[in-house]
PDB file of N, CA and C in Angstrom:
ATOM      1  N   MET A   1     -34.144  55.241 -25.371  1.00  0.00           N
ATOM      2  CA  MET A   1     -34.324  53.303 -25.234  1.00  0.00           C
ATOM      3  C   MET A   1     -32.298  52.880 -24.594  1.00  0.00           C
ATOM      4  N   ARG A   2     -33.347  52.102 -23.725  1.00  0.00           N
ATOM      5  CA  ARG A   2     -32.006  51.908 -23.178  1.00  0.00           C
ATOM      6  C   ARG A   2     -31.745  50.096 -23.962  1.00  0.00           C
ATOM      7  N   VAL A   3     -30.703  49.841 -23.606  1.00  0.00           N
ATOM      8  CA  VAL A   3     -29.662  48.335 -24.117  1.00  0.00           C
ATOM      9  C   VAL A   3     -28.964  48.095 -23.199  1.00  0.00           C
ATOM     10  N   TRP A   4     -29.245  46.761 -22.557  1.00  0.00           N
ATOM     11  CA  TRP A   4     -29.268  45.996 -21.243  1.00  0.00           C
ATOM     12  C   TRP A   4     -28.545  44.571 -22.682  1.00  0.00           C
ATOM     13  N   ILE A   5     -26.459  45.367 -21.935  1.00  0.00           N
ATOM     14  CA  ILE A   5     -25.745  44.069 -22.489  1.00  0.00           C
ATOM     15  C   ILE A   5     -25.777  42.950 -21.800  1.00  0.00           C
ATOM     16  N   GLU A   6     -25.649  41.474 -21.666  1.00  0.00           N
ATOM     17  CA  GLU A   6     -26.024  39.953 -20.840  1.00  0.00           C
ATOM     18  C   GLU A   6     -24.315  40.296 -21.080  1.00  0.00           C
ATOM     19  N   GLU A   7     -23.623  39.987 -19.745  1.00  0.00           N
ATOM     20  CA  GLU A   7     -22.283  39.264 -19.424  1.00  0.00           C
ATOM     21  C   GLU A   7     -22.374  38.172 -18.917  1.00  0.00           C
ATOM     22  N   THR A   8     -21.315  37.620 -19.244  1.00  0.00           N
ATOM     23  CA  THR A   8     -21.708  36.105 -18.799  1.00  0.00           C
ATOM     24  C   THR A   8     -19.629  36.586 -18.025  1.00  0.00           C
ATOM     25  N   GLY A   9     -20.021  35.091 -16.824  1.00  0.00           N
ATOM     26  CA  GLY A   9     -17.995  35.009 -16.639  1.00  0.00           C
ATOM     27  C   GLY A   9     -18.290  35.180 -15.367  1.00  0.00           C
ATOM     28  N   TYR A  10     -17.438  35.179 -14.842  1.00  0.00           N
ATOM     29  CA  TYR A  10     -17.619  35.529 -13.310  1.00  0.00           C
ATOM     30  C   TYR A  10     -16.949  36.821 -12.779  1.00  0.00           C
ATOM     31  N   THR A  11     -17.216  37.220 -11.549  1.00  0.00           N
ATOM     32  CA  THR A  11     -16.327  38.380 -11.271  1.00  0.00           C
ATOM     33  C   THR A  11     -15.039  38.207 -10.419  1.00  0.00           C
ATOM     34  N   LEU A  12     -14.434  39.484 -10.159  1.00  0.00           N
ATOM     35  CA  LEU A  12     -13.267  39.394  -9.296  1.00  0.00           C
ATOM     36  C   LEU A  12     -13.308  38.794  -7.596  1.00  0.00           C
ATOM     37  N   ILE A  13     -14.263  39.452  -7.220  1.00  0.00           N
ATOM     38  CA  ILE A  13     -14.653  38.567  -5.776  1.00  0.00           C
ATOM     39  C   ILE A  13     -15.118  36.706  -5.846  1.00  0.00           C
ATOM     40  N   GLU A  14     -15.527  37.137  -7.076  1.00  0.00           N
ATOM     41  CA  GLU A  14     -16.324  35.233  -7.006  1.00  0.00           C
ATOM     42  C   GLU A  14     -14.829  34.064  -7.376  1.00  0.00           C
ATOM     43  N   THR A  15     -13.927  34.906  -8.021  1.00  0.00           N
ATOM     44  CA  THR A  15     -12.834  33.959  -8.481  1.00  0.00           C
ATOM     45  C   THR A  15     -11.924  33.540  -7.168  1.00  0.00           C
ATOM     46  N   LEU A  16     -11.775  35.222  -5.990  1.00  0.00           N
ATOM     47  CA  LEU A  16     -11.560  34.839  -5.053  1.00  0.00           C
ATOM     48  C   LEU A  16     -11.613  34.268  -3.887  1.00  0.00           C
ATOM     49  N   VAL A  17     -12.766  34.289  -4.008  1.00  0.00           N
ATOM     50  CA  VAL A  17     -13.783  33.457  -3.006  1.00  0.00           C
ATOM     51  C   VAL A  17     -13.443  31.973  -3.386  1.00  0.00           C
ATOM     52  N   ALA A  18     -13.801  31.608  -4.908  1.00  0.00           N
ATOM     53  CA  ALA A  18     -13.752  30.184  -4.925  1.00  0.00           C
ATOM     54  C   ALA A  18     -11.876  29.622  -4.451  1.00  0.00           C
ATOM     55  N   PHE A  19     -10.800  30.870  -4.527  1.00  0.00           N
ATOM     56  CA  PHE A  19      -9.393  30.490  -4.629  1.00  0.00           C
ATOM     57  C   PHE A  19      -9.446  30.363  -3.091  1.00  0.00           C
ATOM     58  N   ILE A  20      -9.912  30.883  -2.028  1.00  0.00           N
ATOM     59  CA  ILE A  20      -9.718  30.633  -0.642  1.00  0.00           C
ATOM     60  C   ILE A  20     -10.763  29.531  -0.341  1.00  0.00           C
ATOM     61  N   LEU A  21     -11.627  29.114  -1.178  1.00  0.00           N
ATOM     62  CA  LEU A  21     -12.605  27.647  -0.634  1.00  0.00           C
ATOM     63  C   LEU A  21     -11.169  26.638  -0.830  1.00  0.00           C
ATOM     64  N   LEU A  22     -10.705  26.886  -1.718  1.00  0.00           N
ATOM     65  CA  LEU A  22      -9.842  25.264  -2.094  1.00  0.00           C
ATOM     66  C   LEU A  22      -8.874  25.323  -1.271  1.00  0.00           C
ATOM     67  N   PHE A  23      -8.593  26.582  -1.616  1.00  0.00           N
ATOM     68  CA  PHE A  23      -6.788  26.723  -0.420  1.00  0.00           C
ATOM     69  C   PHE A  23      -7.164  26.466   0.975  1.00  0.00           C
ATOM     70  N   ILE A  24      -8.478  26.215   1.463  1.00  0.00           N
ATOM     71  CA  ILE A  24      -8.740  26.120   2.851  1.00  0.00           C
ATOM     72  C   ILE A  24      -9.502  24.095   2.417  1.00  0.00           C
ATOM     73  N   VAL A  25      -9.485  23.999   1.668  1.00  0.00           N
ATOM     74  CA  VAL A  25      -9.450  22.186   1.271  1.00  0.00           C
ATOM     75  C   VAL A  25      -8.197  21.706   0.782  1.00  0.00           C
ATOM     76  N   LEU A  26      -7.792  22.403  -0.050  1.00  0.00           N
ATOM     77  CA  LEU A  26      -6.098  21.536  -0.161  1.00  0.00           C
ATOM     78  C   LEU A  26      -4.921  21.613   0.629  1.00  0.00           C
ATOM     79  N   VAL A  27      -5.262  22.672   1.788  1.00  0.00           N
ATOM     80  CA  VAL A  27      -3.958  22.877   2.294  1.00  0.00           C
ATOM     81  C   VAL A  27      -3.795  21.657   3.079  1.00  0.00           C
ATOM     82  N   PRO A  28      -5.233  20.935   4.164  1.00  0.00           N
ATOM     83  CA  PRO A  28      -4.835  20.558   5.578  1.00  0.00           C
ATOM     84  C   PRO A  28      -4.813  18.747   4.676  1.00  0.00           C
ATOM     85  N   PHE A  29      -5.149  18.785   3.198  1.00  0.00           N
ATOM     86  CA  PHE A  29      -5.303  17.526   2.570  1.00  0.00           C
ATOM     87  C   PHE A  29      -3.912  17.205   2.301  1.00  0.00           C
ATOM     88  N   THR A  30      -2.673  18.240   1.789  1.00  0.00           N
ATOM     89  CA  THR A  30      -1.192  17.953   1.296  1.00  0.00           C
ATOM     90  C   THR A  30      -0.765  17.725   2.592  1.00  0.00           C
ATOM     91  N   ARG A  31      -1.479  18.619   3.278  1.00  0.00           N
ATOM     92  CA  ARG A  31      -0.329  18.176   4.787  1.00  0.00           C
ATOM     93  C   ARG A  31      -0.538  16.542   4.877  1.00  0.00           C
ATOM     94  N   VAL A  32      -1.478  15.979   5.464  1.00  0.00           N
ATOM     95  CA  VAL A  32      -2.097  15.424   5.840  1.00  0.00           C
ATOM     96  C   VAL A  32      -1.207  13.961   4.728  1.00  0.00           C
ATOM     97  N   MET A  33      -1.182  14.112   3.368  1.00  0.00           N
ATOM     98  CA  MET A  33      -1.020  13.168   2.417  1.00  0.00           C
ATOM     99  C   MET A  33       1.043  13.061   2.276  1.00  0.00           C
ATOM    100  N   THR A  34       1.402  14.095   2.711  1.00  0.00           N
ATOM    101  CA  THR A  34       2.882  14.700   3.096  1.00  0.00           C
ATOM    102  C   THR A  34       2.812  13.520   4.257  1.00  0.00           C
ATOM    103  N   PHE A  35       2.608  14.098   5.680  1.00  0.00           N
ATOM    104  CA  PHE A  35       2.700  13.255   6.796  1.00  0.00           C
ATOM    105  C   PHE A  35       2.517  11.811   6.986  1.00  0.00           C
ATOM    106  N   LEU A  36       2.032  11.398   5.816  1.00  0.00           N
ATOM    107  CA  LEU A  36       1.644   9.915   5.460  1.00  0.00           C
ATOM    108  C   LEU A  36       2.776   9.247   4.698  1.00  0.00           C
ATOM    109  N   LEU A  37       3.324   9.907   3.699  1.00  0.00           N
ATOM    110  CA  LEU A  37       4.407   9.824   2.481  1.00  0.00           C
ATOM    111  C   LEU A  37       5.335   9.965   3.177  1.00  0.00           C
ATOM    112  N   SER A  38       5.618  10.912   3.952  1.00  0.00           N
ATOM    113  CA  SER A  38       7.220  10.867   4.571  1.00  0.00           C
ATOM    114  C   SER A  38       7.768  10.310   6.054  1.00  0.00           C
ATOM    115  N   ASN A  39       5.973   9.564   6.920  1.00  0.00           N
ATOM    116  CA  ASN A  39       6.521   9.567   7.987  1.00  0.00           C
ATOM    117  C   ASN A  39       7.490   7.642   7.766  1.00  0.00           C
ATOM    118  N   TRP A  40       8.276   7.003   8.226  1.00  0.00           N
ATOM    119  CA  TRP A  40       9.064   6.162   7.777  1.00  0.00           C
ATOM    120  C   TRP A  40       7.853   4.792   8.100  1.00  0.00           C
ATOM    121  N   ASN A  41       7.335   4.575   9.252  1.00  0.00           N
ATOM    122  CA  ASN A  41       6.736   3.621   9.400  1.00  0.00           C
ATOM    123  C   ASN A  41       5.661   3.023   8.087  1.00  0.00           C
ATOM    124  N   THR A  42       4.760   4.220   7.986  1.00  0.00           N
ATOM    125  CA  THR A  42       3.739   4.079   6.690  1.00  0.00           C
ATOM    126  C   THR A  42       4.734   3.492   5.363  1.00  0.00           C
ATOM    127  N   ARG A  43       5.907   4.037   5.216  1.00  0.00           N
ATOM    128  CA  ARG A  43       6.462   3.736   4.039  1.00  0.00           C
ATOM    129  C   ARG A  43       6.970   2.508   4.295  1.00  0.00           C
ATOM    130  N   GLU A  44       7.864   2.163   5.289  1.00  0.00           N
ATOM    131  CA  GLU A  44       7.712   0.869   5.773  1.00  0.00           C
ATOM    132  C   GLU A  44       6.659  -0.156   5.470  1.00  0.00           C
ATOM    133  N   LYS A  45       5.515   0.362   6.175  1.00  0.00           N
ATOM    134  CA  LYS A  45       4.041  -0.965   5.949  1.00  0.00           C
ATOM    135  C   LYS A  45       4.319  -0.791   4.424  1.00  0.00           C
ATOM    136  N   ILE A  46       4.282  -0.136   3.883  1.00  0.00           N
ATOM    137  CA  ILE A  46       4.004  -0.050   2.456  1.00  0.00           C
ATOM    138  C   ILE A  46       4.549  -0.791   1.518  1.00  0.00           C
ATOM    139  N   TYR A  47       6.243  -0.770   1.328  1.00  0.00           N
ATOM    140  CA  TYR A  47       7.134  -1.536   1.589  1.00  0.00           C
ATOM    141  C   TYR A  47       6.999  -3.475   1.754  1.00  0.00           C
ATOM    142  N   ALA A  48       6.346  -3.507   2.651  1.00  0.00           N
ATOM    143  CA  ALA A  48       6.488  -5.134   3.735  1.00  0.00           C
ATOM    144  C   ALA A  48       4.685  -5.073   3.108  1.00  0.00           C
ATOM    145  N   ILE A  49       3.722  -4.519   2.724  1.00  0.00           N
ATOM    146  CA  ILE A  49       2.710  -4.655   1.896  1.00  0.00           C
ATOM    147  C   ILE A  49       2.647  -5.305   0.318  1.00  0.00           C
ATOM    148  N   ASN A  50       4.231  -4.660  -0.136  1.00  0.00           N
ATOM    149  CA  ASN A  50       3.863  -4.755  -1.724  1.00  0.00           C
ATOM    150  C   ASN A  50       5.472  -6.219  -1.638  1.00  0.00           C
ATOM    151  N   LEU A  51       5.459  -6.702  -0.353  1.00  0.00           N
ATOM    152  CA  LEU A  51       6.635  -8.293  -0.802  1.00  0.00           C
ATOM    153  C   LEU A  51       5.617  -9.027  -0.159  1.00  0.00           C
ATOM    154  N   VAL A  52       4.708  -8.943   0.420  1.00  0.00           N
ATOM    155  CA  VAL A  52       4.194  -9.789   0.957  1.00  0.00           C
ATOM    156  C   VAL A  52       3.000 -10.362  -0.356  1.00  0.00           C
ATOM    157  N   GLU A  53       2.488  -9.418  -1.004  1.00  0.00           N
ATOM    158  CA  GLU A  53       1.580  -9.561  -2.125  1.00  0.00           C
ATOM    159  C   GLU A  53       2.713 -10.315  -3.754  1.00  0.00           C
ATOM    160  N   ARG A  54       3.650  -9.640  -3.209  1.00  0.00           N
ATOM    161  CA  ARG A  54       4.300 -10.554  -4.401  1.00  0.00           C
ATOM    162  C   ARG A  54       4.895 -12.041  -4.400  1.00  0.00           C
ATOM    163  N   GLU A  55       5.188 -12.019  -3.201  1.00  0.00           N
ATOM    164  CA  GLU A  55       5.831 -13.396  -2.776  1.00  0.00           C
ATOM    165  C   GLU A  55       4.441 -14.416  -2.872  1.00  0.00           C
ATOM    166  N   MET A  56       2.932 -14.069  -2.654  1.00  0.00           N
ATOM    167  CA  MET A  56       2.169 -14.652  -2.481  1.00  0.00           C
ATOM    168  C   MET A  56       1.581 -15.039  -3.816  1.00  0.00           C
ATOM    169  N   GLU A  57       1.799 -14.080  -4.276  1.00  0.00           N
ATOM    170  CA  GLU A  57       1.150 -14.375  -6.034  1.00  0.00           C
ATOM    171  C   GLU A  57       2.777 -15.413  -6.588  1.00  0.00           C
ATOM    172  N   LEU A  58       4.103 -14.701  -6.221  1.00  0.00           N
ATOM    173  CA  LEU A  58       4.693 -16.183  -6.858  1.00  0.00           C
ATOM    174  C   LEU A  58       5.065 -17.267  -6.353  1.00  0.00           C
ATOM    175  N   THR A  59       3.971 -18.064  -5.234  1.00  0.00           N
ATOM    176  CA  THR A  59       4.291 -18.930  -4.462  1.00  0.00           C
ATOM    177  C   THR A  59       2.734 -19.882  -4.651  1.00  0.00           C
ATOM    178  N   ILE A  60       2.080 -19.244  -5.405  1.00  0.00           N
ATOM    179  CA  ILE A  60       0.315 -19.552  -5.848  1.00  0.00           C
ATOM    180  C   ILE A  60       1.101 -19.962  -6.974  1.00  0.00           C
ATOM    181  N   LEU A  61       1.499 -19.094  -8.082  1.00  0.00           N
ATOM    182  CA  LEU A  61       1.912 -19.115  -9.500  1.00  0.00           C
ATOM    183  C   LEU A  61       2.672 -20.512  -9.583  1.00  0.00           C
ATOM    184  N   TYR A  62       3.945 -20.054  -8.496  1.00  0.00           N
ATOM    185  CA  TYR A  62       5.262 -21.797  -9.010  1.00  0.00           C
ATOM    186  C   TYR A  62       4.795 -22.710  -8.205  1.00  0.00           C
ATOM    187  N   GLN A  63       3.871 -22.504  -7.521  1.00  0.00           N
ATOM    188  CA  GLN A  63       3.535 -23.771  -6.703  1.00  0.00           C
ATOM    189  C   GLN A  63       4.202 -24.302  -5.427  1.00  0.00           C
ATOM    190  N   ARG A  64       5.075 -23.077  -4.790  1.00  0.00           N
ATOM    191  CA  ARG A  64       6.589 -23.480  -4.287  1.00  0.00           C
ATOM    192  C   ARG A  64       5.978 -23.500  -2.596  1.00  0.00           C
ATOM    193  N   PHE A  65       5.785 -24.865  -2.827  1.00  0.00           N
ATOM    194  CA  PHE A  65       4.561 -24.558  -0.919  1.00  0.00           C
ATOM    195  C   PHE A  65       5.726 -25.753  -0.347  1.00  0.00           C
ATOM    196  N   GLU A  66       6.811 -25.031   0.037  1.00  0.00           N
ATOM    197  CA  GLU A  66       7.903 -25.260   0.832  1.00  0.00           C
ATOM    198  C   GLU A  66       8.147 -23.854   1.833  1.00  0.00           C
ATOM    199  N   ASP A  67       8.745 -24.300   2.660  1.00  0.00           N
ATOM    200  CA  ASP A  67       8.780 -23.128   4.318  1.00  0.00           C
ATOM    201  C   ASP A  67      10.035 -22.502   3.075  1.00  0.00           C
ATOM    202  N   GLU A  68      10.439 -21.256   3.556  1.00  0.00           N
ATOM    203  CA  GLU A  68      11.671 -20.677   3.407  1.00  0.00           C
ATOM    204  C   GLU A  68      11.732 -19.369   3.520  1.00  0.00           C
ATOM    205  N   GLU A  69      12.964 -19.040   3.787  1.00  0.00           N
ATOM    206  CA  GLU A  69      13.315 -17.282   4.850  1.00  0.00           C
ATOM    207  C   GLU A  69      14.275 -16.778   3.936  1.00  0.00           C
ATOM    208  N   ARG A  70      14.499 -15.622   3.361  1.00  0.00           N
ATOM    209  CA  ARG A  70      15.148 -15.240   3.498  1.00  0.00           C
ATOM    210  C   ARG A  70      15.332 -13.751   3.282  1.00  0.00           C
ATOM    211  N   LEU A  71      16.548 -12.890   3.018  1.00  0.00           N
ATOM    212  CA  LEU A  71      16.100 -11.528   2.739  1.00  0.00           C
ATOM    213  C   LEU A  71      15.848 -10.728   1.295  1.00  0.00           C
ATOM    214  N   GLU A  72      15.602  -9.580   1.266  1.00  0.00           N
ATOM    215  CA  GLU A  72      14.909  -8.863   0.580  1.00  0.00           C
ATOM    216  C   GLU A  72      14.573  -8.062   0.205  1.00  0.00           C
ATOM    217  N   LYS A  73      15.376  -6.859  -0.707  1.00  0.00           N
ATOM    218  CA  LYS A  73      15.789  -5.654  -0.211  1.00  0.00           C
ATOM    219  C   LYS A  73      14.712  -4.791  -1.410  1.00  0.00           C
ATOM    220  N   MET A  74      13.908  -3.924  -0.120  1.00  0.00           N
ATOM    221  CA  MET A  74      12.384  -2.720  -1.090  1.00  0.00           C
ATOM    222  C   MET A  74      13.200  -1.580  -0.387  1.00  0.00           C
ATOM    223  N   GLY A  75      12.971  -0.344  -1.584  1.00  0.00           N
ATOM    224  CA  GLY A  75      12.883   0.453  -0.706  1.00  0.00           C
ATOM    225  C   GLY A  75      14.547   0.984   0.139  1.00  0.00           C
ATOM    226  N   GLY A  76      15.838   0.426  -0.619  1.00  0.00           N
ATOM    227  CA  GLY A  76      17.207   0.288  -0.265  1.00  0.00           C
ATOM    228  C   GLY A  76      17.065   0.050   1.675  1.00  0.00           C
ATOM    229  N   ARG A  77      16.489  -0.583   1.533  1.00  0.00           N
ATOM    230  CA  ARG A  77      16.206  -1.482   3.215  1.00  0.00           C
ATOM    231  C   ARG A  77      16.084  -3.494   2.759  1.00  0.00           C
ATOM    232  N   ASN A  78      16.918  -3.950   3.724  1.00  0.00           N
ATOM    233  CA  ASN A  78      16.528  -4.918   3.944  1.00  0.00           C
ATOM    234  C   ASN A  78      15.397  -5.403   4.435  1.00  0.00           C
ATOM    235  N   TYR A  79      14.774  -6.660   4.490  1.00  0.00           N
ATOM    236  CA  TYR A  79      13.404  -6.854   4.840  1.00  0.00           C
ATOM    237  C   TYR A  79      14.109  -8.656   5.173  1.00  0.00           C
ATOM    238  N   LEU A  80      13.534  -9.117   6.331  1.00  0.00           N
ATOM    239  CA  LEU A  80      13.386 -10.600   5.943  1.00  0.00           C
ATOM    240  C   LEU A  80      12.480 -11.355   5.693  1.00  0.00           C
ATOM    241  N   LEU A  81      11.746 -12.043   4.570  1.00  0.00           N
ATOM    242  CA  LEU A  81      11.175 -12.971   4.275  1.00  0.00           C
ATOM    243  C   LEU A  81      10.724 -14.022   4.277  1.00  0.00           C
ATOM    244  N   ARG A  82       9.502 -14.551   5.359  1.00  0.00           N
ATOM    245  CA  ARG A  82       9.449 -15.778   6.065  1.00  0.00           C
ATOM    246  C   ARG A  82       8.057 -16.250   5.362  1.00  0.00           C
ATOM    247  N   ARG A  83       8.233 -17.501   4.326  1.00  0.00           N
ATOM    248  CA  ARG A  83       6.819 -17.861   3.797  1.00  0.00           C
ATOM    249  C   ARG A  83       6.943 -19.909   4.729  1.00  0.00           C
ATOM    250  N   ILE A  84       5.748 -19.826   5.065  1.00  0.00           N
ATOM    251  CA  ILE A  84       5.493 -20.778   6.119  1.00  0.00           C
ATOM    252  C   ILE A  84       4.013 -21.617   5.529  1.00  0.00           C
ATOM    253  N   ILE A  85       4.401 -23.078   5.239  1.00  0.00           N
ATOM    254  CA  ILE A  85       3.892 -23.757   4.493  1.00  0.00           C
ATOM    255  C   ILE A  85       2.875 -24.736   5.221  1.00  0.00           C
ATOM    256  N   GLN A  86       1.867 -25.016   5.653  1.00  0.00           N
ATOM    257  CA  GLN A  86       1.120 -26.058   6.216  1.00  0.00           C
ATOM    258  C   GLN A  86       0.223 -27.029   5.459  1.00  0.00           C
ATOM    259  N   ASN A  87       0.324 -28.253   5.513  1.00  0.00           N
ATOM    260  CA  ASN A  87      -0.686 -29.156   4.874  1.00  0.00           C
ATOM    261  C   ASN A  87      -1.169 -29.367   5.374  1.00  0.00           C
ATOM    262  N   GLU A  88      -3.025 -29.379   5.009  1.00  0.00           N
ATOM    263  CA  GLU A  88      -3.939 -29.433   5.692  1.00  0.00           C
ATOM    264  C   GLU A  88      -4.914 -30.057   4.793  1.00  0.00           C
ATOM    265  N   GLY A  89      -4.332 -31.440   4.491  1.00  0.00           N
ATOM    266  CA  GLY A  89      -5.219 -32.500   3.225  1.00  0.00           C
ATOM    267  C   GLY A  89      -4.939 -31.843   2.282  1.00  0.00           C
ATOM    268  N   ALA A  90      -6.727 -31.886   1.500  1.00  0.00           N
ATOM    269  CA  ALA A  90      -6.489 -31.464   0.018  1.00  0.00           C
ATOM    270  C   ALA A  90      -6.267 -29.755  -0.092  1.00  0.00           C
ATOM    271  N   LEU A  91      -6.029 -29.163   0.827  1.00  0.00           N
ATOM    272  CA  LEU A  91      -5.900 -27.559   1.286  1.00  0.00           C
ATOM    273  C   LEU A  91      -4.307 -27.149   1.451  1.00  0.00           C
ATOM    274  N   VAL A  92      -3.938 -26.015   1.235  1.00  0.00           N
ATOM    275  CA  VAL A  92      -2.350 -25.833   1.493  1.00  0.00           C
ATOM    276  C   VAL A  92      -2.655 -24.515   2.086  1.00  0.00           C
ATOM    277  N   LYS A  93      -1.838 -24.459   3.594  1.00  0.00           N
ATOM    278  CA  LYS A  93      -1.831 -23.037   4.074  1.00  0.00           C
ATOM    279  C   LYS A  93      -0.619 -22.326   3.524  1.00  0.00           C
ATOM    280  N   ILE A  94      -0.844 -21.120   3.396  1.00  0.00           N
ATOM    281  CA  ILE A  94       0.605 -20.408   2.725  1.00  0.00           C
ATOM    282  C   ILE A  94       0.248 -18.836   3.776  1.00  0.00           C
ATOM    283  N   GLN A  95       1.349 -19.178   4.346  1.00  0.00           N
ATOM    284  CA  GLN A  95       1.304 -17.784   5.389  1.00  0.00           C
ATOM    285  C   GLN A  95       2.826 -16.886   4.835  1.00  0.00           C
ATOM    286  N   ILE A  96       2.478 -16.186   4.886  1.00  0.00           N
ATOM    287  CA  ILE A  96       3.884 -14.869   4.058  1.00  0.00           C
ATOM    288  C   ILE A  96       4.014 -13.935   5.265  1.00  0.00           C
ATOM    289  N   GLU A  97       5.047 -13.754   5.727  1.00  0.00           N
ATOM    290  CA  GLU A  97       5.562 -12.697   6.681  1.00  0.00           C
ATOM    291  C   GLU A  97       7.036 -11.765   6.459  1.00  0.00           C
ATOM    292  N   VAL A  98       7.062 -10.624   6.673  1.00  0.00           N
ATOM    293  CA  VAL A  98       7.613  -9.739   6.301  1.00  0.00           C
ATOM    294  C   VAL A  98       8.266  -9.245   7.515  1.00  0.00           C
ATOM    295  N   ILE A  99       9.514  -9.431   8.207  1.00  0.00           N
ATOM    296  CA  ILE A  99       9.732  -8.972   9.782  1.00  0.00           C
ATOM    297  C   ILE A  99      11.669  -8.134   9.580  1.00  0.00           C
ATOM    298  N   HIS A 100      11.119  -7.334  10.199  1.00  0.00           N
ATOM    299  CA  HIS A 100      12.243  -6.663  10.565  1.00  0.00           C
ATOM    300  C   HIS A 100      14.107  -7.158  11.329  1.00  0.00           C
ATOM    301  N   PRO A 101      14.829  -7.052  10.185  1.00  0.00           N
ATOM    302  CA  PRO A 101      16.223  -7.821  10.447  1.00  0.00           C
ATOM    303  C   PRO A 101      16.661  -7.570  11.594  1.00  0.00           C
ATOM    304  N   LEU A 102      16.463  -6.659  12.303  1.00  0.00           N
ATOM    305  CA  LEU A 102      17.428  -6.162  13.219  1.00  0.00           C
ATOM    306  C   LEU A 102      16.396  -7.130  14.285  1.00  0.00           C
ATOM    307  N   SER A 103      15.257  -5.799  14.858  1.00  0.00           N
ATOM    308  CA  SER A 103      14.413  -5.847  15.724  1.00  0.00           C
ATOM    309  C   SER A 103      13.739  -7.411  16.253  1.00  0.00           C
ATOM    310  N   ARG A 104      13.659  -8.225  14.438  1.00  0.00           N
ATOM    311  CA  ARG A 104      12.702  -9.416  15.098  1.00  0.00           C
ATOM    312  C   ARG A 104      11.305  -9.187  15.174  1.00  0.00           C
ATOM    313  N   THR A 105      11.260  -8.091  14.610  1.00  0.00           N
ATOM    314  CA  THR A 105       9.413  -7.447  14.868  1.00  0.00           C
ATOM    315  C   THR A 105       8.630  -7.773  13.170  1.00  0.00           C
ATOM    316  N   VAL A 106       7.938  -8.493  13.593  1.00  0.00           N
ATOM    317  CA  VAL A 106       6.767  -8.685  11.746  1.00  0.00           C
ATOM    318  C   VAL A 106       6.437  -7.315  11.586  1.00  0.00           C
ATOM    319  N   ILE A 107       6.712  -6.627  10.668  1.00  0.00           N
ATOM    320  CA  ILE A 107       5.901  -5.789   9.903  1.00  0.00           C
ATOM    321  C   ILE A 107       4.733  -5.915   9.529  1.00  0.00           C
ATOM    322  N   PHE A 108       4.349  -6.979   8.729  1.00  0.00           N
ATOM    323  CA  PHE A 108       3.368  -7.473   8.039  1.00  0.00           C
ATOM    324  C   PHE A 108       2.982  -9.253   7.782  1.00  0.00           C
ATOM    325  N   ASN A 109       1.839  -9.647   8.076  1.00  0.00           N
ATOM    326  CA  ASN A 109       1.472 -10.941   7.309  1.00  0.00           C
ATOM    327  C   ASN A 109       0.436 -11.582   6.969  1.00  0.00           C
ATOM    328  N   LEU A 110       0.269 -12.110   5.959  1.00  0.00           N
ATOM    329  CA  LEU A 110      -0.728 -12.036   5.403  1.00  0.00           C
ATOM    330  C   LEU A 110      -0.434 -14.063   5.003  1.00  0.00           C
ATOM    331  N   PHE A 111      -1.761 -14.550   5.585  1.00  0.00           N
ATOM    332  CA  PHE A 111      -1.891 -16.201   4.940  1.00  0.00           C
ATOM    333  C   PHE A 111      -3.490 -16.540   4.364  1.00  0.00           C
ATOM    334  N   THR A 112      -3.259 -17.033   3.270  1.00  0.00           N
ATOM    335  CA  THR A 112      -4.600 -17.717   2.338  1.00  0.00           C
ATOM    336  C   THR A 112      -4.254 -19.326   2.693  1.00  0.00           C
ATOM    337  N   MET A 113      -5.825 -20.120   1.590  1.00  0.00           N
ATOM    338  CA  MET A 113      -5.825 -21.061   1.451  1.00  0.00           C
ATOM    339  C   MET A 113      -5.887 -21.354   0.198  1.00  0.00           C
ATOM    340  N   THR A 114      -5.277 -22.746  -0.396  1.00  0.00           N
ATOM    341  CA  THR A 114      -5.392 -22.770  -1.580  1.00  0.00           C
ATOM    342  C   THR A 114      -5.315 -24.696  -1.664  1.00  0.00           C
ATOM    343  N   ARG A 115      -5.692 -24.837  -2.992  1.00  0.00           N
ATOM    344  CA  ARG A 115      -5.985 -26.120  -3.518  1.00  0.00           C
ATOM    345  C   ARG A 115      -4.776 -26.906  -3.610  1.00  0.00           C
ATOM    346  N   ASN A 116      -4.780 -27.631  -2.842  1.00  0.00           N
ATOM    347  CA  ASN A 116      -2.975 -28.649  -3.275  1.00  0.00           C
ATOM    348  C   ASN A 116      -3.178 -29.268  -4.798  1.00  0.00           C
ATOM    349  N   VAL A 117      -2.412 -28.927  -5.451  1.00  0.00           N
ATOM    350  CA  VAL A 117      -2.765 -29.706  -7.034  1.00  0.00           C
ATOM    351  C   VAL A 117      -1.353 -31.089  -6.996  1.00  0.00           C
ATOM    352  N   ILE A 118      -0.792 -30.445  -5.841  1.00  0.00           N
ATOM    353  CA  ILE A 118       0.442 -31.371  -5.769  1.00  0.00           C
ATOM    354  C   ILE A 118      -0.193 -32.878  -5.350  1.00  0.00           C
ATOM    355  N   PRO A 119       0.406 -33.726  -6.182  1.00  0.00           N
ATOM    356  CA  PRO A 119       0.104 -35.266  -5.282  1.00  0.00           C
ATOM    357  C   PRO A 119       0.661 -35.621  -4.493  1.00  0.00           C
TER     358      PRO A 119
END
């Protein structure tokens, strides 16, 4: 009489194939992510987006509806932050720009319209 023993688990070959497939997928992904994070232009744009979002939130929260231009520091670099306000009846157009201070090129620009609650 033969007794069959049912074995569960993975064989060495199945494990190796799984590791090879994982390696084939992960290596290109990590190279792309490393490139994006190490590329200074991308990092500079991320800093600029963070500056613009923070300034827009503070402008709307504290209702700072006046033009302003100032230097901001983020990531060890200085950026010129410009807020431009335009009153259009009951609405206020808020435009925030992050500018490279040396070349005077706009890195990122964001604008929105909000209701003017100040009489």
